[in-house]
């Protein structure tokens, strides 16, 4: 398979996903956009191996295959279209192998954990499945300073915590609870109430507390971002678009009074595009 064919596969795969990320990628020059399509395709495919496995497949075996393909990216010649494309971008951008290894470890945690007792335990999961993706993206954007890394880690935490809040209901349907059990006890909301999708004053108080944690990480990301020189801030426009999208989702969760057991809270394509245009214009003319 040629690199061009592999890239076309990753681009189509990403477009079909309907991800919030897709609209932000449109504001990148083609070479960087292609790299982001490929990184997203890798993240999505690895995640799907566990969360949406094909009939008859073994998630453990699938992750083993992805690890073997990742090894080939850095040492020989991968065979799957996503990894053929990834090998090209890794070579061009110098993305560390360790980041992809951490991401696979994070996805693998879902095979063994459906509860997290403490926030520290949950933080490791969030770092692996979200913050590491941000660190990978820094290489695509061409900004890898220590402060930019602080920004990426904090923003990844904020994104994943927002996802967790939005998906409490759908996760409960799969017998998963990502909210720390220590927090459930603190707010007198037992596990069975989550699994039964029980809405109560205790649940609202719990969710408000968890939302405050997400806001904390958005603020940390903003502080790191504002400490960057102007040229680095402009290079992170795509990440800022995503910050605009996900922070708006968090606002909608709060405005609904944490009604997360009904239809999934999301933004329309038009709303995401408006946010993207607003952030892009601000980055260019501020």
C-alpha atoms as a PDB file:
ATOM      1  CA  UNK A   1       0.000   0.000   0.000  1.00  0.00           C
ATOM      2  CA  UNK A   2       1.299   3.427  -0.900  1.00  0.00           C
ATOM      3  CA  UNK A   3       1.456   6.246   1.616  1.00  0.00           C
ATOM      4  CA  UNK A   4      -1.055   8.131  -0.527  1.00  0.00           C
ATOM      5  CA  UNK A   5      -3.539   5.232  -0.412  1.00  0.00           C
ATOM      6  CA  UNK A   6      -3.038   4.880   3.335  1.00  0.00           C
ATOM      7  CA  UNK A   7      -3.626   8.591   3.860  1.00  0.00           C
ATOM      8  CA  UNK A   8      -6.823   8.462   1.802  1.00  0.00           C
ATOM      9  CA  UNK A   9      -8.066   5.638   4.039  1.00  0.00           C
ATOM     10  CA  UNK A  10      -7.346   7.641   7.223  1.00  0.00           C
ATOM     11  CA  UNK A  11      -8.997  10.755   5.827  1.00  0.00           C
ATOM     12  CA  UNK A  12     -12.168   8.871   4.890  1.00  0.00           C
ATOM     13  CA  UNK A  13     -12.213   7.052   8.242  1.00  0.00           C
ATOM     14  CA  UNK A  14     -12.010  10.342  10.137  1.00  0.00           C
ATOM     15  CA  UNK A  15     -14.648  12.069   8.028  1.00  0.00           C
ATOM     16  CA  UNK A  16     -17.071   9.185   8.598  1.00  0.00           C
ATOM     17  CA  UNK A  17     -16.604   9.304  12.379  1.00  0.00           C
ATOM     18  CA  UNK A  18     -18.626  12.489  12.909  1.00  0.00           C
ATOM     19  CA  UNK A  19     -16.140  13.514  15.608  1.00  0.00           C
ATOM     20  CA  UNK A  20     -16.094  16.941  17.241  1.00  0.00           C
ATOM     21  CA  UNK A  21     -12.450  17.077  16.187  1.00  0.00           C
ATOM     22  CA  UNK A  22     -13.113  16.901  12.455  1.00  0.00           C
ATOM     23  CA  UNK A  23     -14.236  20.518  12.100  1.00  0.00           C
ATOM     24  CA  UNK A  24     -11.153  21.872  13.793  1.00  0.00           C
ATOM     25  CA  UNK A  25      -8.876  19.946  11.410  1.00  0.00           C
ATOM     26  CA  UNK A  26     -10.293  21.906   8.462  1.00  0.00           C
ATOM     27  CA  UNK A  27      -8.373  24.969   9.628  1.00  0.00           C
ATOM     28  CA  UNK A  28      -4.982  23.298   9.242  1.00  0.00           C
ATOM     29  CA  UNK A  29      -2.742  23.372   6.170  1.00  0.00           C
ATOM     30  CA  UNK A  30      -2.989  20.124   4.191  1.00  0.00           C
ATOM     31  CA  UNK A  31       0.159  18.415   5.496  1.00  0.00           C
ATOM     32  CA  UNK A  32      -0.801  18.999   9.129  1.00  0.00           C
ATOM     33  CA  UNK A  33      -4.431  18.158   8.416  1.00  0.00           C
ATOM     34  CA  UNK A  34      -3.387  14.830   6.910  1.00  0.00           C
ATOM     35  CA  UNK A  35      -1.284  14.105   9.997  1.00  0.00           C
ATOM     36  CA  UNK A  36      -4.231  14.876  12.274  1.00  0.00           C
ATOM     37  CA  UNK A  37      -6.558  12.651  10.246  1.00  0.00           C
ATOM     38  CA  UNK A  38      -4.073   9.821  10.690  1.00  0.00           C
ATOM     39  CA  UNK A  39      -3.544  10.387  14.419  1.00  0.00           C
ATOM     40  CA  UNK A  40      -7.305  10.502  14.923  1.00  0.00           C
ATOM     41  CA  UNK A  41      -7.788   7.333  12.871  1.00  0.00           C
ATOM     42  CA  UNK A  42      -5.255   5.520  15.049  1.00  0.00           C
ATOM     43  CA  UNK A  43      -6.869   6.707  18.285  1.00  0.00           C
ATOM     44  CA  UNK A  44     -10.363   5.841  17.088  1.00  0.00           C
ATOM     45  CA  UNK A  45      -9.418   2.407  15.761  1.00  0.00           C
ATOM     46  CA  UNK A  46      -7.591   1.406  18.941  1.00  0.00           C
ATOM     47  CA  UNK A  47     -10.463   2.642  21.090  1.00  0.00           C
ATOM     48  CA  UNK A  48     -13.017   0.800  18.936  1.00  0.00           C
ATOM     49  CA  UNK A  49     -11.079  -2.451  19.351  1.00  0.00           C
ATOM     50  CA  UNK A  50     -12.217  -2.382  22.999  1.00  0.00           C
ATOM     51  CA  UNK A  51     -15.410  -0.314  23.019  1.00  0.00           C
ATOM     52  CA  UNK A  52     -16.923  -1.515  19.728  1.00  0.00           C
ATOM     53  CA  UNK A  53     -15.235  -4.853  18.940  1.00  0.00           C
ATOM     54  CA  UNK A  54     -16.167  -6.689  15.776  1.00  0.00           C
ATOM     55  CA  UNK A  55     -18.311  -9.774  16.270  1.00  0.00           C
ATOM     56  CA  UNK A  56     -16.130 -12.698  17.270  1.00  0.00           C
ATOM     57  CA  UNK A  57     -13.028 -10.589  17.837  1.00  0.00           C
ATOM     58  CA  UNK A  58     -10.964 -10.551  21.025  1.00  0.00           C
ATOM     59  CA  UNK A  59     -10.143  -7.040  22.293  1.00  0.00           C
ATOM     60  CA  UNK A  60      -6.969  -8.378  23.941  1.00  0.00           C
ATOM     61  CA  UNK A  61      -5.827  -9.895  20.664  1.00  0.00           C
ATOM     62  CA  UNK A  62      -6.712  -6.728  18.782  1.00  0.00           C
ATOM     63  CA  UNK A  63      -4.625  -4.597  21.135  1.00  0.00           C
ATOM     64  CA  UNK A  64      -1.760  -7.056  20.741  1.00  0.00           C
ATOM     65  CA  UNK A  65      -2.021  -6.592  16.986  1.00  0.00           C
ATOM     66  CA  UNK A  66      -1.985  -2.809  17.344  1.00  0.00           C
ATOM     67  CA  UNK A  67       1.110  -3.036  19.547  1.00  0.00           C
ATOM     68  CA  UNK A  68       2.836  -5.178  16.918  1.00  0.00           C
ATOM     69  CA  UNK A  69       1.902  -2.701  14.208  1.00  0.00           C
ATOM     70  CA  UNK A  70       3.184   0.172  16.353  1.00  0.00           C
ATOM     71  CA  UNK A  71       6.488  -1.632  16.777  1.00  0.00           C
ATOM     72  CA  UNK A  72       6.650  -1.992  12.991  1.00  0.00           C
ATOM     73  CA  UNK A  73       6.026   1.743  12.565  1.00  0.00           C
ATOM     74  CA  UNK A  74       9.266   2.462  14.416  1.00  0.00           C
ATOM     75  CA  UNK A  75      11.390  -0.506  13.378  1.00  0.00           C
ATOM     76  CA  UNK A  76      10.297  -2.069  10.089  1.00  0.00           C
ATOM     77  CA  UNK A  77       7.220  -1.837   7.868  1.00  0.00           C
ATOM     78  CA  UNK A  78       3.611  -1.838   9.120  1.00  0.00           C
ATOM     79  CA  UNK A  79       0.888  -3.415   7.008  1.00  0.00           C
ATOM     80  CA  UNK A  80      -2.432  -1.789   8.004  1.00  0.00           C
ATOM     81  CA  UNK A  81      -3.387   1.427   6.175  1.00  0.00           C
ATOM     82  CA  UNK A  82      -3.592   3.484   9.363  1.00  0.00           C
ATOM     83  CA  UNK A  83      -0.133   2.438  10.447  1.00  0.00           C
ATOM     84  CA  UNK A  84       1.414   2.872   6.990  1.00  0.00           C
ATOM     85  CA  UNK A  85       0.201   6.456   7.100  1.00  0.00           C
ATOM     86  CA  UNK A  86       1.258   6.875  10.724  1.00  0.00           C
ATOM     87  CA  UNK A  87       4.780   5.670   9.908  1.00  0.00           C
ATOM     88  CA  UNK A  88       5.083   8.437   7.337  1.00  0.00           C
ATOM     89  CA  UNK A  89       3.976  11.157   9.758  1.00  0.00           C
ATOM     90  CA  UNK A  90       6.001   9.800  12.675  1.00  0.00           C
ATOM     91  CA  UNK A  91       9.132   9.985  10.551  1.00  0.00           C
ATOM     92  CA  UNK A  92       8.325  13.520   9.402  1.00  0.00           C
ATOM     93  CA  UNK A  93       7.259  14.912  12.773  1.00  0.00           C
ATOM     94  CA  UNK A  94       9.376  12.943  15.231  1.00  0.00           C
ATOM     95  CA  UNK A  95       6.489  11.814  17.435  1.00  0.00           C
ATOM     96  CA  UNK A  96       7.776   9.651  20.339  1.00  0.00           C
ATOM     97  CA  UNK A  97       6.687   6.020  20.348  1.00  0.00           C
ATOM     98  CA  UNK A  98       6.053   6.205  24.107  1.00  0.00           C
ATOM     99  CA  UNK A  99       2.995   8.413  23.556  1.00  0.00           C
ATOM    100  CA  UNK A 100       1.261   5.809  21.401  1.00  0.00           C
ATOM    101  CA  UNK A 101       2.213   3.083  23.870  1.00  0.00           C
ATOM    102  CA  UNK A 102       0.613   5.056  26.693  1.00  0.00           C
ATOM    103  CA  UNK A 103      -2.543   5.529  24.660  1.00  0.00           C
ATOM    104  CA  UNK A 104      -2.880   1.785  24.106  1.00  0.00           C
ATOM    105  CA  UNK A 105      -2.346   1.221  27.843  1.00  0.00           C
ATOM    106  CA  UNK A 106      -5.151   3.668  28.550  1.00  0.00           C
ATOM    107  CA  UNK A 107      -7.581   1.949  26.218  1.00  0.00           C
ATOM    108  CA  UNK A 108      -6.543  -1.385  27.727  1.00  0.00           C
ATOM    109  CA  UNK A 109      -7.575  -0.146  31.177  1.00  0.00           C
ATOM    110  CA  UNK A 110     -11.205  -0.445  30.038  1.00  0.00           C
ATOM    111  CA  UNK A 111     -10.723  -4.216  29.749  1.00  0.00           C
ATOM    112  CA  UNK A 112      -9.942  -4.522  33.446  1.00  0.00           C
ATOM    113  CA  UNK A 113     -11.536  -1.517  35.167  1.00  0.00           C
ATOM    114  CA  UNK A 114     -15.148  -0.410  35.203  1.00  0.00           C
ATOM    115  CA  UNK A 115     -14.756   1.552  38.438  1.00  0.00           C
ATOM    116  CA  UNK A 116     -12.215   4.061  39.797  1.00  0.00           C
ATOM    117  CA  UNK A 117     -12.020   4.489  43.554  1.00  0.00           C
ATOM    118  CA  UNK A 118     -10.063   7.738  43.690  1.00  0.00           C
ATOM    119  CA  UNK A 119      -9.579  10.716  41.434  1.00  0.00           C
ATOM    120  CA  UNK A 120      -5.872   9.909  41.265  1.00  0.00           C
ATOM    121  CA  UNK A 121      -6.738   6.550  39.679  1.00  0.00           C
ATOM    122  CA  UNK A 122      -9.088   8.237  37.229  1.00  0.00           C
ATOM    123  CA  UNK A 123      -6.445  10.852  36.429  1.00  0.00           C
ATOM    124  CA  UNK A 124      -4.069   8.192  35.122  1.00  0.00           C
ATOM    125  CA  UNK A 125      -6.789   6.922  32.809  1.00  0.00           C
ATOM    126  CA  UNK A 126      -7.592  10.443  31.593  1.00  0.00           C
ATOM    127  CA  UNK A 127      -3.922  11.194  31.017  1.00  0.00           C
ATOM    128  CA  UNK A 128      -3.435   8.074  28.929  1.00  0.00           C
ATOM    129  CA  UNK A 129      -6.525   8.312  26.745  1.00  0.00           C
ATOM    130  CA  UNK A 130      -6.695  12.097  26.352  1.00  0.00           C
ATOM    131  CA  UNK A 131      -3.688  14.098  27.554  1.00  0.00           C
ATOM    132  CA  UNK A 132      -1.290  11.865  25.624  1.00  0.00           C
ATOM    133  CA  UNK A 133      -3.277  12.590  22.464  1.00  0.00           C
ATOM    134  CA  UNK A 134      -2.678  16.276  23.102  1.00  0.00           C
ATOM    135  CA  UNK A 135       1.049  15.659  23.475  1.00  0.00           C
ATOM    136  CA  UNK A 136       1.041  13.825  20.146  1.00  0.00           C
ATOM    137  CA  UNK A 137      -0.793  16.712  18.513  1.00  0.00           C
ATOM    138  CA  UNK A 138       1.813  19.206  19.708  1.00  0.00           C
ATOM    139  CA  UNK A 139       4.273  17.581  17.313  1.00  0.00           C
ATOM    140  CA  UNK A 140       1.818  18.071  14.475  1.00  0.00           C
ATOM    141  CA  UNK A 141       1.333  21.723  15.430  1.00  0.00           C
ATOM    142  CA  UNK A 142       5.078  22.243  15.797  1.00  0.00           C
ATOM    143  CA  UNK A 143       4.913  23.481  19.397  1.00  0.00           C
ATOM    144  CA  UNK A 144       6.572  21.240  21.985  1.00  0.00           C
ATOM    145  CA  UNK A 145       7.803  23.602  24.716  1.00  0.00           C
ATOM    146  CA  UNK A 146       7.351  22.638  28.366  1.00  0.00           C
ATOM    147  CA  UNK A 147       4.550  25.177  28.791  1.00  0.00           C
ATOM    148  CA  UNK A 148       2.799  23.863  25.684  1.00  0.00           C
ATOM    149  CA  UNK A 149       3.018  20.378  27.159  1.00  0.00           C
ATOM    150  CA  UNK A 150       1.403  21.665  30.364  1.00  0.00           C
ATOM    151  CA  UNK A 151      -1.365  23.106  28.186  1.00  0.00           C
ATOM    152  CA  UNK A 152      -1.891  19.822  26.322  1.00  0.00           C
ATOM    153  CA  UNK A 153      -2.011  17.731  29.491  1.00  0.00           C
ATOM    154  CA  UNK A 154      -4.480  20.041  31.241  1.00  0.00           C
ATOM    155  CA  UNK A 155      -6.688  20.344  28.164  1.00  0.00           C
ATOM    156  CA  UNK A 156      -6.757  16.569  27.716  1.00  0.00           C
ATOM    157  CA  UNK A 157      -7.868  16.164  31.316  1.00  0.00           C
ATOM    158  CA  UNK A 158     -10.608  18.753  30.810  1.00  0.00           C
ATOM    159  CA  UNK A 159     -11.844  17.077  27.624  1.00  0.00           C
ATOM    160  CA  UNK A 160     -11.985  13.615  29.169  1.00  0.00           C
ATOM    161  CA  UNK A 161     -13.737  14.827  32.306  1.00  0.00           C
ATOM    162  CA  UNK A 162     -16.297  16.559  30.084  1.00  0.00           C
ATOM    163  CA  UNK A 163     -16.803  13.302  28.178  1.00  0.00           C
ATOM    164  CA  UNK A 164     -17.267  11.407  31.437  1.00  0.00           C
ATOM    165  CA  UNK A 165     -19.919  13.853  32.648  1.00  0.00           C
ATOM    166  CA  UNK A 166     -21.771  13.764  29.340  1.00  0.00           C
ATOM    167  CA  UNK A 167     -21.703   9.954  29.142  1.00  0.00           C
ATOM    168  CA  UNK A 168     -22.696   8.994  32.703  1.00  0.00           C
ATOM    169  CA  UNK A 169     -25.944   7.516  31.400  1.00  0.00           C
ATOM    170  CA  UNK A 170     -24.522   5.573  28.457  1.00  0.00           C
ATOM    171  CA  UNK A 171     -21.645   4.287  30.583  1.00  0.00           C
ATOM    172  CA  UNK A 172     -24.103   3.151  33.272  1.00  0.00           C
ATOM    173  CA  UNK A 173     -25.940   1.133  30.619  1.00  0.00           C
ATOM    174  CA  UNK A 174     -22.655  -0.755  30.149  1.00  0.00           C
ATOM    175  CA  UNK A 175     -22.243  -1.146  33.944  1.00  0.00           C
ATOM    176  CA  UNK A 176     -19.400   1.378  33.908  1.00  0.00           C
ATOM    177  CA  UNK A 177     -18.941   4.213  36.382  1.00  0.00           C
ATOM    178  CA  UNK A 178     -16.086   6.624  35.724  1.00  0.00           C
ATOM    179  CA  UNK A 179     -16.992   9.070  38.494  1.00  0.00           C
ATOM    180  CA  UNK A 180     -14.665   8.279  41.430  1.00  0.00           C
ATOM    181  CA  UNK A 181     -16.338   6.075  44.016  1.00  0.00           C
ATOM    182  CA  UNK A 182     -14.865   8.234  46.776  1.00  0.00           C
ATOM    183  CA  UNK A 183     -16.895  11.130  45.373  1.00  0.00           C
ATOM    184  CA  UNK A 184     -20.064   9.048  45.224  1.00  0.00           C
ATOM    185  CA  UNK A 185     -19.664   8.300  48.931  1.00  0.00           C
ATOM    186  CA  UNK A 186     -18.865  11.924  49.692  1.00  0.00           C
ATOM    187  CA  UNK A 187     -22.122  13.040  48.090  1.00  0.00           C
ATOM    188  CA  UNK A 188     -24.179  10.106  49.404  1.00  0.00           C
ATOM    189  CA  UNK A 189     -24.994   8.745  45.958  1.00  0.00           C
ATOM    190  CA  UNK A 190     -24.519   4.938  45.813  1.00  0.00           C
ATOM    191  CA  UNK A 191     -23.314   3.034  42.772  1.00  0.00           C
ATOM    192  CA  UNK A 192     -26.715   1.430  42.255  1.00  0.00           C
ATOM    193  CA  UNK A 193     -28.278   4.881  41.892  1.00  0.00           C
ATOM    194  CA  UNK A 194     -25.929   5.586  38.968  1.00  0.00           C
ATOM    195  CA  UNK A 195     -26.623   2.188  37.393  1.00  0.00           C
ATOM    196  CA  UNK A 196     -30.371   2.748  37.845  1.00  0.00           C
ATOM    197  CA  UNK A 197     -29.962   6.166  36.215  1.00  0.00           C
ATOM    198  CA  UNK A 198     -31.449   7.802  39.275  1.00  0.00           C
ATOM    199  CA  UNK A 199     -31.703  11.590  39.178  1.00  0.00           C
ATOM    200  CA  UNK A 200     -31.745  13.259  42.605  1.00  0.00           C
ATOM    201  CA  UNK A 201     -30.469  16.307  44.521  1.00  0.00           C
ATOM    202  CA  UNK A 202     -27.482  14.170  45.603  1.00  0.00           C
ATOM    203  CA  UNK A 203     -26.722  13.339  41.991  1.00  0.00           C
ATOM    204  CA  UNK A 204     -26.878  16.999  40.983  1.00  0.00           C
ATOM    205  CA  UNK A 205     -24.503  17.909  43.813  1.00  0.00           C
ATOM    206  CA  UNK A 206     -22.115  15.150  42.751  1.00  0.00           C
ATOM    207  CA  UNK A 207     -22.194  16.281  39.123  1.00  0.00           C
ATOM    208  CA  UNK A 208     -21.684  19.909  40.074  1.00  0.00           C
ATOM    209  CA  UNK A 209     -18.593  18.892  42.020  1.00  0.00           C
ATOM    210  CA  UNK A 210     -17.219  16.891  39.081  1.00  0.00           C
ATOM    211  CA  UNK A 211     -17.957  19.765  36.688  1.00  0.00           C
ATOM    212  CA  UNK A 212     -15.905  22.057  38.926  1.00  0.00           C
ATOM    213  CA  UNK A 213     -12.973  19.697  38.419  1.00  0.00           C
ATOM    214  CA  UNK A 214     -13.339  19.964  34.653  1.00  0.00           C
ATOM    215  CA  UNK A 215     -13.442  23.774  34.945  1.00  0.00           C
ATOM    216  CA  UNK A 216     -10.266  23.638  36.995  1.00  0.00           C
ATOM    217  CA  UNK A 217      -8.415  21.931  34.149  1.00  0.00           C
ATOM    218  CA  UNK A 218      -9.842  24.294  31.524  1.00  0.00           C
ATOM    219  CA  UNK A 219      -8.498  27.176  33.640  1.00  0.00           C
ATOM    220  CA  UNK A 220      -5.097  25.483  33.961  1.00  0.00           C
ATOM    221  CA  UNK A 221      -4.990  25.039  30.203  1.00  0.00           C
ATOM    222  CA  UNK A 222      -5.923  28.683  29.678  1.00  0.00           C
ATOM    223  CA  UNK A 223      -3.214  29.879  32.070  1.00  0.00           C
ATOM    224  CA  UNK A 224      -0.585  27.804  30.241  1.00  0.00           C
ATOM    225  CA  UNK A 225      -1.876  28.999  26.862  1.00  0.00           C
ATOM    226  CA  UNK A 226      -1.720  32.674  27.828  1.00  0.00           C
ATOM    227  CA  UNK A 227       1.860  32.169  28.970  1.00  0.00           C
ATOM    228  CA  UNK A 228       2.956  31.100  25.482  1.00  0.00           C
ATOM    229  CA  UNK A 229       4.446  33.518  22.954  1.00  0.00           C
ATOM    230  CA  UNK A 230       2.031  34.757  20.264  1.00  0.00           C
ATOM    231  CA  UNK A 231       3.400  32.537  17.481  1.00  0.00           C
ATOM    232  CA  UNK A 232       2.912  29.416  19.589  1.00  0.00           C
ATOM    233  CA  UNK A 233      -0.622  30.461  20.529  1.00  0.00           C
ATOM    234  CA  UNK A 234      -1.457  30.849  16.841  1.00  0.00           C
ATOM    235  CA  UNK A 235      -0.010  27.396  16.128  1.00  0.00           C
ATOM    236  CA  UNK A 236      -2.434  25.957  18.684  1.00  0.00           C
ATOM    237  CA  UNK A 237      -5.557  27.368  17.028  1.00  0.00           C
ATOM    238  CA  UNK A 238      -6.966  23.889  16.352  1.00  0.00           C
ATOM    239  CA  UNK A 239      -6.588  22.925  20.013  1.00  0.00           C
ATOM    240  CA  UNK A 240      -8.289  26.182  20.972  1.00  0.00           C
ATOM    241  CA  UNK A 241     -11.187  25.361  18.663  1.00  0.00           C
ATOM    242  CA  UNK A 242     -11.569  22.074  20.494  1.00  0.00           C
ATOM    243  CA  UNK A 243     -11.429  23.920  23.807  1.00  0.00           C
ATOM    244  CA  UNK A 244     -14.281  26.085  22.581  1.00  0.00           C
ATOM    245  CA  UNK A 245     -16.347  23.068  21.531  1.00  0.00           C
ATOM    246  CA  UNK A 246     -15.821  20.999  24.663  1.00  0.00           C
ATOM    247  CA  UNK A 247     -16.210  23.871  27.101  1.00  0.00           C
ATOM    248  CA  UNK A 248     -19.515  24.654  25.383  1.00  0.00           C
ATOM    249  CA  UNK A 249     -20.607  21.024  25.861  1.00  0.00           C
ATOM    250  CA  UNK A 250     -19.765  21.346  29.562  1.00  0.00           C
ATOM    251  CA  UNK A 251     -21.839  24.526  29.731  1.00  0.00           C
ATOM    252  CA  UNK A 252     -24.792  22.731  28.143  1.00  0.00           C
ATOM    253  CA  UNK A 253     -24.487  19.895  30.666  1.00  0.00           C
ATOM    254  CA  UNK A 254     -24.640  22.468  33.465  1.00  0.00           C
ATOM    255  CA  UNK A 255     -27.503  24.383  31.841  1.00  0.00           C
ATOM    256  CA  UNK A 256     -29.509  21.141  31.616  1.00  0.00           C
ATOM    257  CA  UNK A 257     -29.110  20.781  35.391  1.00  0.00           C
ATOM    258  CA  UNK A 258     -27.077  17.627  34.697  1.00  0.00           C
ATOM    259  CA  UNK A 259     -29.831  15.768  32.839  1.00  0.00           C
ATOM    260  CA  UNK A 260     -27.419  13.207  31.391  1.00  0.00           C
ATOM    261  CA  UNK A 261     -29.701  10.177  31.517  1.00  0.00           C
ATOM    262  CA  UNK A 262     -31.655  11.253  28.453  1.00  0.00           C
ATOM    263  CA  UNK A 263     -30.532  12.133  24.913  1.00  0.00           C
ATOM    264  CA  UNK A 264     -26.799  12.686  24.590  1.00  0.00           C
ATOM    265  CA  UNK A 265     -25.873  16.336  25.008  1.00  0.00           C
ATOM    266  CA  UNK A 266     -24.033  17.525  21.920  1.00  0.00           C
ATOM    267  CA  UNK A 267     -23.602  20.410  19.493  1.00  0.00           C
ATOM    268  CA  UNK A 268     -24.888  20.585  15.951  1.00  0.00           C
ATOM    269  CA  UNK A 269     -22.486  20.765  13.019  1.00  0.00           C
ATOM    270  CA  UNK A 270     -23.453  24.412  12.547  1.00  0.00           C
ATOM    271  CA  UNK A 271     -22.745  25.234  16.200  1.00  0.00           C
ATOM    272  CA  UNK A 272     -19.337  23.568  16.016  1.00  0.00           C
ATOM    273  CA  UNK A 273     -18.487  25.443  12.839  1.00  0.00           C
ATOM    274  CA  UNK A 274     -19.491  28.783  14.360  1.00  0.00           C
ATOM    275  CA  UNK A 275     -17.213  28.125  17.338  1.00  0.00           C
ATOM    276  CA  UNK A 276     -14.391  27.107  15.004  1.00  0.00           C
ATOM    277  CA  UNK A 277     -14.725  30.249  12.889  1.00  0.00           C
ATOM    278  CA  UNK A 278     -14.894  32.489  15.948  1.00  0.00           C
ATOM    279  CA  UNK A 279     -11.725  30.996  17.461  1.00  0.00           C
ATOM    280  CA  UNK A 280      -9.888  31.047  14.125  1.00  0.00           C
ATOM    281  CA  UNK A 281     -10.726  34.703  13.548  1.00  0.00           C
ATOM    282  CA  UNK A 282      -9.658  35.612  17.071  1.00  0.00           C
ATOM    283  CA  UNK A 283      -6.334  33.813  16.612  1.00  0.00           C
ATOM    284  CA  UNK A 284      -5.637  35.635  13.362  1.00  0.00           C
ATOM    285  CA  UNK A 285      -6.659  39.160  14.291  1.00  0.00           C
ATOM    286  CA  UNK A 286      -6.214  39.465  18.047  1.00  0.00           C
END
